[in-house]
Amino acid sequence: MRLLLGCLLAHALLADLAAWPWWVPNLTVVGLVLAVVRRPERWVACSALAGLFATLCAVRVPGPIFVSYVVLGWTVRVIGTQWDTNEPRVRFLLVAAACLVTTLYAVWLDGLWSLAILGWIVVHTVVTTLLVPVIQRR
């Protein structure tokens, strides 16, 4: 839970400092995925906390954003029963997929589709995923 709280705090600080939101890694997703992988029995609490944080940051449609984080936590929990999530590459792939899906979902909810946005989604996913090895060491 401390990992998730640290990621939420770091995400809030980076979001306040960044001039452009696409450069801010989605540390909420990273923290949620890694926290659920470490303690699968706490997926509900971790998902609710991450969903609440994302809801507070959401400009529009907070309900679906909250639900997406609960579904994400549940999905990571279910995948954890099937795959060896202690393997760093699996964690890396989980975070990459989770970041991509949550970002695509947020863009879809806002109706912001364009070719340029798809490029920024890729950049955002890559920037977020590259932080996984750094955060896993903590």
N, C-alpha and C. Protein backbone atom coordinates (compact mmCIF):
# COMPACT_ATOMS: atom_id res chain seq x y z
N MET A 1 0.83 -1.19 0.00
CA MET A 1 0.00 0.00 0.00
C MET A 1 0.87 1.25 0.00
N ARG A 2 2.04 1.17 0.64
CA ARG A 2 2.94 2.33 0.64
C ARG A 2 3.44 2.64 -0.76
N LEU A 3 3.66 1.59 -1.54
CA LEU A 3 4.09 1.79 -2.93
C LEU A 3 3.04 2.57 -3.70
N LEU A 4 1.79 2.17 -3.56
CA LEU A 4 0.71 2.86 -4.26
C LEU A 4 0.58 4.30 -3.79
N LEU A 5 0.62 4.52 -2.49
CA LEU A 5 0.53 5.89 -1.96
C LEU A 5 1.68 6.77 -2.45
N GLY A 6 2.88 6.20 -2.50
CA GLY A 6 4.02 6.95 -3.02
C GLY A 6 3.86 7.30 -4.49
N CYS A 7 3.34 6.35 -5.26
CA CYS A 7 3.11 6.62 -6.69
C CYS A 7 2.03 7.68 -6.88
N LEU A 8 0.98 7.63 -6.07
CA LEU A 8 -0.08 8.65 -6.18
C LEU A 8 0.45 10.04 -5.85
N LEU A 9 1.25 10.12 -4.81
CA LEU A 9 1.84 11.40 -4.44
C LEU A 9 2.78 11.92 -5.53
N ALA A 10 3.62 11.04 -6.06
CA ALA A 10 4.54 11.42 -7.14
C ALA A 10 3.77 11.85 -8.38
N HIS A 11 2.69 11.15 -8.69
CA HIS A 11 1.87 11.49 -9.85
C HIS A 11 1.27 12.89 -9.68
N ALA A 12 0.75 13.17 -8.48
CA ALA A 12 0.17 14.49 -8.22
C ALA A 12 1.22 15.58 -8.35
N LEU A 13 2.40 15.35 -7.81
CA LEU A 13 3.46 16.36 -7.89
C LEU A 13 3.92 16.59 -9.33
N LEU A 14 4.12 15.51 -10.06
CA LEU A 14 4.55 15.65 -11.46
C LEU A 14 3.48 16.34 -12.30
N ALA A 15 2.23 16.02 -12.04
CA ALA A 15 1.14 16.65 -12.81
C ALA A 15 1.08 18.15 -12.55
N ASP A 16 1.41 18.57 -11.33
CA ASP A 16 1.42 20.00 -11.03
C ASP A 16 2.61 20.71 -11.68
N LEU A 17 3.71 20.00 -11.84
CA LEU A 17 4.92 20.61 -12.39
C LEU A 17 4.96 20.61 -13.91
N ALA A 18 4.32 19.64 -14.53
CA ALA A 18 4.43 19.47 -15.98
C ALA A 18 3.58 20.49 -16.72
N ALA A 19 4.14 20.99 -17.79
CA ALA A 19 3.40 21.93 -18.63
C ALA A 19 2.47 21.20 -19.60
N TRP A 20 2.76 19.95 -19.89
CA TRP A 20 2.01 19.18 -20.87
C TRP A 20 1.69 17.81 -20.28
N PRO A 21 0.42 17.44 -20.17
CA PRO A 21 0.05 16.21 -19.46
C PRO A 21 0.56 14.92 -20.08
N TRP A 22 0.86 14.94 -21.38
CA TRP A 22 1.32 13.70 -22.01
C TRP A 22 2.71 13.29 -21.53
N TRP A 23 3.47 14.21 -20.96
CA TRP A 23 4.80 13.88 -20.47
C TRP A 23 4.78 13.34 -19.04
N VAL A 24 3.64 13.43 -18.38
CA VAL A 24 3.53 12.93 -17.01
C VAL A 24 3.22 11.44 -17.06
N PRO A 25 4.13 10.60 -16.55
CA PRO A 25 3.84 9.16 -16.56
C PRO A 25 2.66 8.85 -15.66
N ASN A 26 1.89 7.85 -16.03
CA ASN A 26 0.72 7.48 -15.25
C ASN A 26 1.16 6.61 -14.08
N LEU A 27 1.68 7.26 -13.06
CA LEU A 27 2.16 6.55 -11.88
C LEU A 27 1.02 5.94 -11.08
N THR A 28 -0.19 6.39 -11.29
CA THR A 28 -1.33 5.76 -10.65
C THR A 28 -1.49 4.33 -11.15
N VAL A 29 -1.38 4.14 -12.44
CA VAL A 29 -1.47 2.80 -13.02
C VAL A 29 -0.29 1.95 -12.57
N VAL A 30 0.91 2.52 -12.61
CA VAL A 30 2.10 1.77 -12.19
C VAL A 30 1.94 1.31 -10.74
N GLY A 31 1.56 2.24 -9.88
CA GLY A 31 1.39 1.91 -8.46
C GLY A 31 0.32 0.87 -8.23
N LEU A 32 -0.80 0.99 -8.93
CA LEU A 32 -1.88 0.02 -8.77
C LEU A 32 -1.45 -1.37 -9.22
N VAL A 33 -0.87 -1.47 -10.39
CA VAL A 33 -0.46 -2.78 -10.91
C VAL A 33 0.57 -3.42 -9.98
N LEU A 34 1.60 -2.67 -9.61
CA LEU A 34 2.65 -3.25 -8.76
C LEU A 34 2.14 -3.57 -7.36
N ALA A 35 1.24 -2.76 -6.83
CA ALA A 35 0.68 -3.04 -5.50
C ALA A 35 -0.18 -4.31 -5.52
N VAL A 36 -0.98 -4.48 -6.55
CA VAL A 36 -1.83 -5.68 -6.64
C VAL A 36 -0.98 -6.92 -6.90
N VAL A 37 0.08 -6.77 -7.67
CA VAL A 37 0.98 -7.91 -7.90
C VAL A 37 1.64 -8.33 -6.59
N ARG A 38 2.05 -7.36 -5.78
CA ARG A 38 2.70 -7.67 -4.51
C ARG A 38 1.75 -8.25 -3.48
N ARG A 39 0.54 -7.69 -3.40
CA ARG A 39 -0.45 -8.11 -2.40
C ARG A 39 -1.80 -8.30 -3.08
N PRO A 40 -2.01 -9.42 -3.77
CA PRO A 40 -3.26 -9.63 -4.52
C PRO A 40 -4.52 -9.57 -3.67
N GLU A 41 -4.41 -9.93 -2.40
CA GLU A 41 -5.59 -9.92 -1.54
C GLU A 41 -6.09 -8.50 -1.25
N ARG A 42 -5.27 -7.51 -1.53
CA ARG A 42 -5.66 -6.11 -1.30
C ARG A 42 -6.10 -5.39 -2.57
N TRP A 43 -6.49 -6.14 -3.58
CA TRP A 43 -6.81 -5.52 -4.86
C TRP A 43 -7.99 -4.56 -4.76
N VAL A 44 -8.97 -4.87 -3.91
CA VAL A 44 -10.14 -3.99 -3.80
C VAL A 44 -9.74 -2.64 -3.20
N ALA A 45 -9.00 -2.68 -2.11
CA ALA A 45 -8.59 -1.43 -1.46
C ALA A 45 -7.68 -0.62 -2.37
N CYS A 46 -6.73 -1.28 -3.01
CA CYS A 46 -5.80 -0.57 -3.90
C CYS A 46 -6.54 0.03 -5.10
N SER A 47 -7.46 -0.74 -5.67
CA SER A 47 -8.23 -0.26 -6.82
C SER A 47 -9.11 0.92 -6.44
N ALA A 48 -9.74 0.83 -5.28
CA ALA A 48 -10.60 1.92 -4.84
C ALA A 48 -9.79 3.19 -4.59
N LEU A 49 -8.62 3.04 -3.98
CA LEU A 49 -7.77 4.20 -3.71
C LEU A 49 -7.29 4.84 -5.02
N ALA A 50 -6.81 4.02 -5.95
CA ALA A 50 -6.36 4.54 -7.24
C ALA A 50 -7.52 5.16 -8.01
N GLY A 51 -8.68 4.51 -7.96
CA GLY A 51 -9.87 5.05 -8.63
C GLY A 51 -10.32 6.36 -8.04
N LEU A 52 -10.27 6.47 -6.72
CA LEU A 52 -10.65 7.72 -6.06
C LEU A 52 -9.69 8.84 -6.45
N PHE A 53 -8.39 8.53 -6.46
CA PHE A 53 -7.40 9.53 -6.86
C PHE A 53 -7.65 9.98 -8.31
N ALA A 54 -7.85 9.02 -9.20
CA ALA A 54 -8.10 9.36 -10.61
C ALA A 54 -9.40 10.15 -10.76
N THR A 55 -10.39 9.81 -9.95
CA THR A 55 -11.67 10.53 -10.00
C THR A 55 -11.50 11.98 -9.56
N LEU A 56 -10.69 12.19 -8.55
CA LEU A 56 -10.46 13.55 -8.08
C LEU A 56 -9.73 14.39 -9.12
N CYS A 57 -8.90 13.73 -9.93
CA CYS A 57 -8.15 14.43 -10.98
C CYS A 57 -8.94 14.57 -12.27
N ALA A 58 -10.00 13.79 -12.43
CA ALA A 58 -10.75 13.78 -13.68
C ALA A 58 -11.55 15.07 -13.84
N VAL A 59 -11.51 15.60 -15.03
CA VAL A 59 -12.27 16.81 -15.32
C VAL A 59 -13.70 16.42 -15.67
N ARG A 60 -13.84 15.37 -16.45
CA ARG A 60 -15.15 14.90 -16.87
C ARG A 60 -15.28 13.41 -16.57
N VAL A 61 -16.47 12.94 -16.56
CA VAL A 61 -16.86 11.53 -16.39
C VAL A 61 -16.09 10.79 -15.28
N PRO A 62 -16.19 11.26 -14.04
CA PRO A 62 -15.45 10.61 -12.96
C PRO A 62 -15.92 9.19 -12.66
N GLY A 63 -17.21 8.91 -12.83
CA GLY A 63 -17.73 7.57 -12.54
C GLY A 63 -17.07 6.47 -13.36
N PRO A 64 -17.08 6.60 -14.68
CA PRO A 64 -16.42 5.58 -15.50
C PRO A 64 -14.91 5.47 -15.25
N ILE A 65 -14.29 6.57 -14.90
CA ILE A 65 -12.85 6.53 -14.58
C ILE A 65 -12.63 5.67 -13.33
N PHE A 66 -13.45 5.89 -12.30
CA PHE A 66 -13.34 5.10 -11.07
C PHE A 66 -13.54 3.61 -11.38
N VAL A 67 -14.58 3.30 -12.13
CA VAL A 67 -14.86 1.91 -12.48
C VAL A 67 -13.70 1.28 -13.26
N SER A 68 -13.07 2.07 -14.12
CA SER A 68 -11.96 1.51 -14.92
C SER A 68 -10.81 1.08 -14.03
N TYR A 69 -10.54 1.81 -12.94
CA TYR A 69 -9.46 1.42 -12.04
C TYR A 69 -9.83 0.19 -11.21
N VAL A 70 -11.10 0.06 -10.86
CA VAL A 70 -11.54 -1.15 -10.16
C VAL A 70 -11.43 -2.37 -11.08
N VAL A 71 -11.84 -2.21 -12.32
CA VAL A 71 -11.72 -3.30 -13.30
C VAL A 71 -10.25 -3.62 -13.55
N LEU A 72 -9.41 -2.61 -13.61
CA LEU A 72 -7.97 -2.83 -13.80
C LEU A 72 -7.39 -3.63 -12.65
N GLY A 73 -7.71 -3.26 -11.42
CA GLY A 73 -7.21 -4.00 -10.26
C GLY A 73 -7.67 -5.44 -10.26
N TRP A 74 -8.95 -5.66 -10.59
CA TRP A 74 -9.49 -7.01 -10.67
C TRP A 74 -8.79 -7.82 -11.76
N THR A 75 -8.57 -7.20 -12.90
CA THR A 75 -7.90 -7.87 -14.01
C THR A 75 -6.48 -8.30 -13.64
N VAL A 76 -5.75 -7.40 -13.00
CA VAL A 76 -4.39 -7.74 -12.57
C VAL A 76 -4.43 -8.88 -11.56
N ARG A 77 -5.40 -8.86 -10.68
CA ARG A 77 -5.57 -9.93 -9.69
C ARG A 77 -5.82 -11.27 -10.38
N VAL A 78 -6.71 -11.28 -11.36
CA VAL A 78 -7.03 -12.52 -12.09
C VAL A 78 -5.82 -13.00 -12.89
N ILE A 79 -5.14 -12.09 -13.55
CA ILE A 79 -3.94 -12.48 -14.31
C ILE A 79 -2.88 -13.04 -13.38
N GLY A 80 -2.81 -12.49 -12.17
CA GLY A 80 -1.84 -12.97 -11.18
C GLY A 80 -2.07 -14.41 -10.77
N THR A 81 -3.30 -14.90 -10.92
CA THR A 81 -3.57 -16.31 -10.59
C THR A 81 -3.15 -17.24 -11.73
N GLN A 82 -2.98 -16.68 -12.92
CA GLN A 82 -2.65 -17.50 -14.09
C GLN A 82 -1.18 -17.43 -14.51
N TRP A 83 -0.56 -16.28 -14.29
CA TRP A 83 0.82 -16.06 -14.72
C TRP A 83 1.70 -15.81 -13.50
N ASP A 84 2.99 -15.98 -13.71
CA ASP A 84 3.96 -15.70 -12.65
C ASP A 84 4.27 -14.20 -12.67
N THR A 85 3.57 -13.46 -11.84
CA THR A 85 3.76 -12.01 -11.82
C THR A 85 5.00 -11.59 -11.04
N ASN A 86 5.72 -12.55 -10.49
CA ASN A 86 7.00 -12.22 -9.86
C ASN A 86 8.09 -12.01 -10.90
N GLU A 87 7.82 -12.45 -12.11
CA GLU A 87 8.74 -12.25 -13.23
C GLU A 87 8.71 -10.78 -13.65
N PRO A 88 9.84 -10.08 -13.64
CA PRO A 88 9.86 -8.64 -13.98
C PRO A 88 9.28 -8.32 -15.36
N ARG A 89 9.50 -9.21 -16.33
CA ARG A 89 8.98 -8.94 -17.67
C ARG A 89 7.45 -8.97 -17.70
N VAL A 90 6.86 -9.85 -16.90
CA VAL A 90 5.40 -9.91 -16.83
C VAL A 90 4.86 -8.63 -16.21
N ARG A 91 5.51 -8.13 -15.17
CA ARG A 91 5.09 -6.87 -14.55
C ARG A 91 5.21 -5.72 -15.54
N PHE A 92 6.30 -5.71 -16.28
CA PHE A 92 6.53 -4.69 -17.29
C PHE A 92 5.40 -4.69 -18.32
N LEU A 93 5.06 -5.89 -18.81
CA LEU A 93 3.99 -6.01 -19.80
C LEU A 93 2.62 -5.64 -19.21
N LEU A 94 2.39 -6.02 -17.96
CA LEU A 94 1.13 -5.66 -17.31
C LEU A 94 0.97 -4.14 -17.22
N VAL A 95 2.03 -3.47 -16.81
CA VAL A 95 1.96 -2.00 -16.71
C VAL A 95 1.78 -1.38 -18.09
N ALA A 96 2.51 -1.86 -19.08
CA ALA A 96 2.38 -1.31 -20.43
C ALA A 96 0.95 -1.47 -20.95
N ALA A 97 0.40 -2.67 -20.81
CA ALA A 97 -0.97 -2.92 -21.29
C ALA A 97 -1.98 -2.08 -20.50
N ALA A 98 -1.81 -2.02 -19.18
CA ALA A 98 -2.73 -1.25 -18.34
C ALA A 98 -2.69 0.23 -18.68
N CYS A 99 -1.50 0.76 -18.88
CA CYS A 99 -1.37 2.18 -19.23
C CYS A 99 -2.00 2.46 -20.59
N LEU A 100 -1.72 1.60 -21.55
CA LEU A 100 -2.28 1.78 -22.89
C LEU A 100 -3.81 1.74 -22.86
N VAL A 101 -4.37 0.75 -22.16
CA VAL A 101 -5.82 0.61 -22.12
C VAL A 101 -6.47 1.76 -21.38
N THR A 102 -5.93 2.15 -20.22
CA THR A 102 -6.55 3.25 -19.47
C THR A 102 -6.44 4.58 -20.23
N THR A 103 -5.34 4.79 -20.93
CA THR A 103 -5.19 6.02 -21.71
C THR A 103 -6.14 6.03 -22.90
N LEU A 104 -6.23 4.91 -23.61
CA LEU A 104 -7.18 4.81 -24.72
C LEU A 104 -8.62 5.03 -24.23
N TYR A 105 -8.94 4.46 -23.08
CA TYR A 105 -10.28 4.61 -22.52
C TYR A 105 -10.57 6.08 -22.17
N ALA A 106 -9.61 6.74 -21.56
CA ALA A 106 -9.81 8.15 -21.20
C ALA A 106 -9.98 9.02 -22.45
N VAL A 107 -9.19 8.75 -23.46
CA VAL A 107 -9.31 9.51 -24.72
C VAL A 107 -10.65 9.22 -25.38
N TRP A 108 -11.08 7.96 -25.34
CA TRP A 108 -12.38 7.61 -25.91
C TRP A 108 -13.51 8.31 -25.16
N LEU A 109 -13.43 8.35 -23.83
CA LEU A 109 -14.46 9.03 -23.04
C LEU A 109 -14.55 10.52 -23.38
N ASP A 110 -13.40 11.13 -23.64
CA ASP A 110 -13.39 12.56 -23.97
C ASP A 110 -13.64 12.84 -25.44
N GLY A 111 -13.62 11.80 -26.26
CA GLY A 111 -13.85 11.98 -27.70
C GLY A 111 -12.75 12.76 -28.39
N LEU A 112 -11.51 12.49 -28.03
CA LEU A 112 -10.37 13.25 -28.56
C LEU A 112 -9.60 12.52 -29.66
N TRP A 113 -10.21 11.63 -30.40
CA TRP A 113 -9.50 10.82 -31.37
C TRP A 113 -8.89 11.64 -32.50
N SER A 114 -7.62 11.39 -32.75
CA SER A 114 -6.93 11.93 -33.92
C SER A 114 -5.62 11.16 -34.06
N LEU A 115 -4.99 11.30 -35.20
CA LEU A 115 -3.72 10.61 -35.42
C LEU A 115 -2.65 11.13 -34.48
N ALA A 116 -2.64 12.44 -34.25
CA ALA A 116 -1.67 13.04 -33.34
C ALA A 116 -1.86 12.51 -31.92
N ILE A 117 -3.10 12.37 -31.48
CA ILE A 117 -3.37 11.86 -30.13
C ILE A 117 -2.89 10.42 -30.01
N LEU A 118 -3.05 9.63 -31.05
CA LEU A 118 -2.55 8.25 -30.99
C LEU A 118 -1.04 8.22 -30.80
N GLY A 119 -0.33 9.14 -31.43
CA GLY A 119 1.11 9.24 -31.23
C GLY A 119 1.45 9.60 -29.79
N TRP A 120 0.69 10.54 -29.20
CA TRP A 120 0.93 10.92 -27.81
C TRP A 120 0.58 9.79 -26.84
N ILE A 121 -0.41 8.98 -27.21
CA ILE A 121 -0.75 7.82 -26.38
C ILE A 121 0.43 6.86 -26.33
N VAL A 122 1.07 6.65 -27.46
CA VAL A 122 2.25 5.77 -27.49
C VAL A 122 3.37 6.35 -26.65
N VAL A 123 3.63 7.65 -26.80
CA VAL A 123 4.68 8.31 -26.01
C VAL A 123 4.37 8.18 -24.52
N HIS A 124 3.14 8.44 -24.14
CA HIS A 124 2.72 8.36 -22.74
C HIS A 124 2.92 6.94 -22.19
N THR A 125 2.55 5.95 -22.98
CA THR A 125 2.70 4.55 -22.55
C THR A 125 4.17 4.19 -22.40
N VAL A 126 4.99 4.61 -23.32
CA VAL A 126 6.43 4.30 -23.25
C VAL A 126 7.07 4.99 -22.04
N VAL A 127 6.77 6.26 -21.84
CA VAL A 127 7.35 6.99 -20.70
C VAL A 127 6.92 6.33 -19.39
N THR A 128 5.66 5.95 -19.28
CA THR A 128 5.17 5.30 -18.07
C THR A 128 5.84 3.95 -17.86
N THR A 129 5.92 3.16 -18.90
CA THR A 129 6.46 1.81 -18.78
C THR A 129 7.95 1.82 -18.46
N LEU A 130 8.68 2.80 -18.94
CA LEU A 130 10.11 2.87 -18.65
C LEU A 130 10.41 3.11 -17.17
N LEU A 131 9.44 3.58 -16.42
CA LEU A 131 9.64 3.81 -14.99
C LEU A 131 9.44 2.56 -14.14
N VAL A 132 8.90 1.49 -14.72
CA VAL A 132 8.62 0.28 -13.95
C VAL A 132 9.88 -0.29 -13.28
N PRO A 133 10.99 -0.46 -13.98
CA PRO A 133 12.17 -1.02 -13.30
C PRO A 133 12.66 -0.14 -12.15
N VAL A 134 12.52 1.16 -12.27
CA VAL A 134 12.95 2.06 -11.20
C VAL A 134 12.05 1.91 -9.98
N ILE A 135 10.75 1.86 -10.20
CA ILE A 135 9.80 1.77 -9.10
C ILE A 135 9.81 0.38 -8.47
N GLN A 136 10.04 -0.66 -9.25
CA GLN A 136 10.09 -2.02 -8.70
C GLN A 136 11.20 -2.19 -7.68
N ARG A 137 12.26 -1.43 -7.80
CA ARG A 137 13.38 -1.54 -6.87
C ARG A 137 13.04 -1.01 -5.50
N ARG A 138 12.03 -0.19 -5.39
CA ARG A 138 11.67 0.43 -4.11
C ARG A 138 10.96 -0.54 -3.21
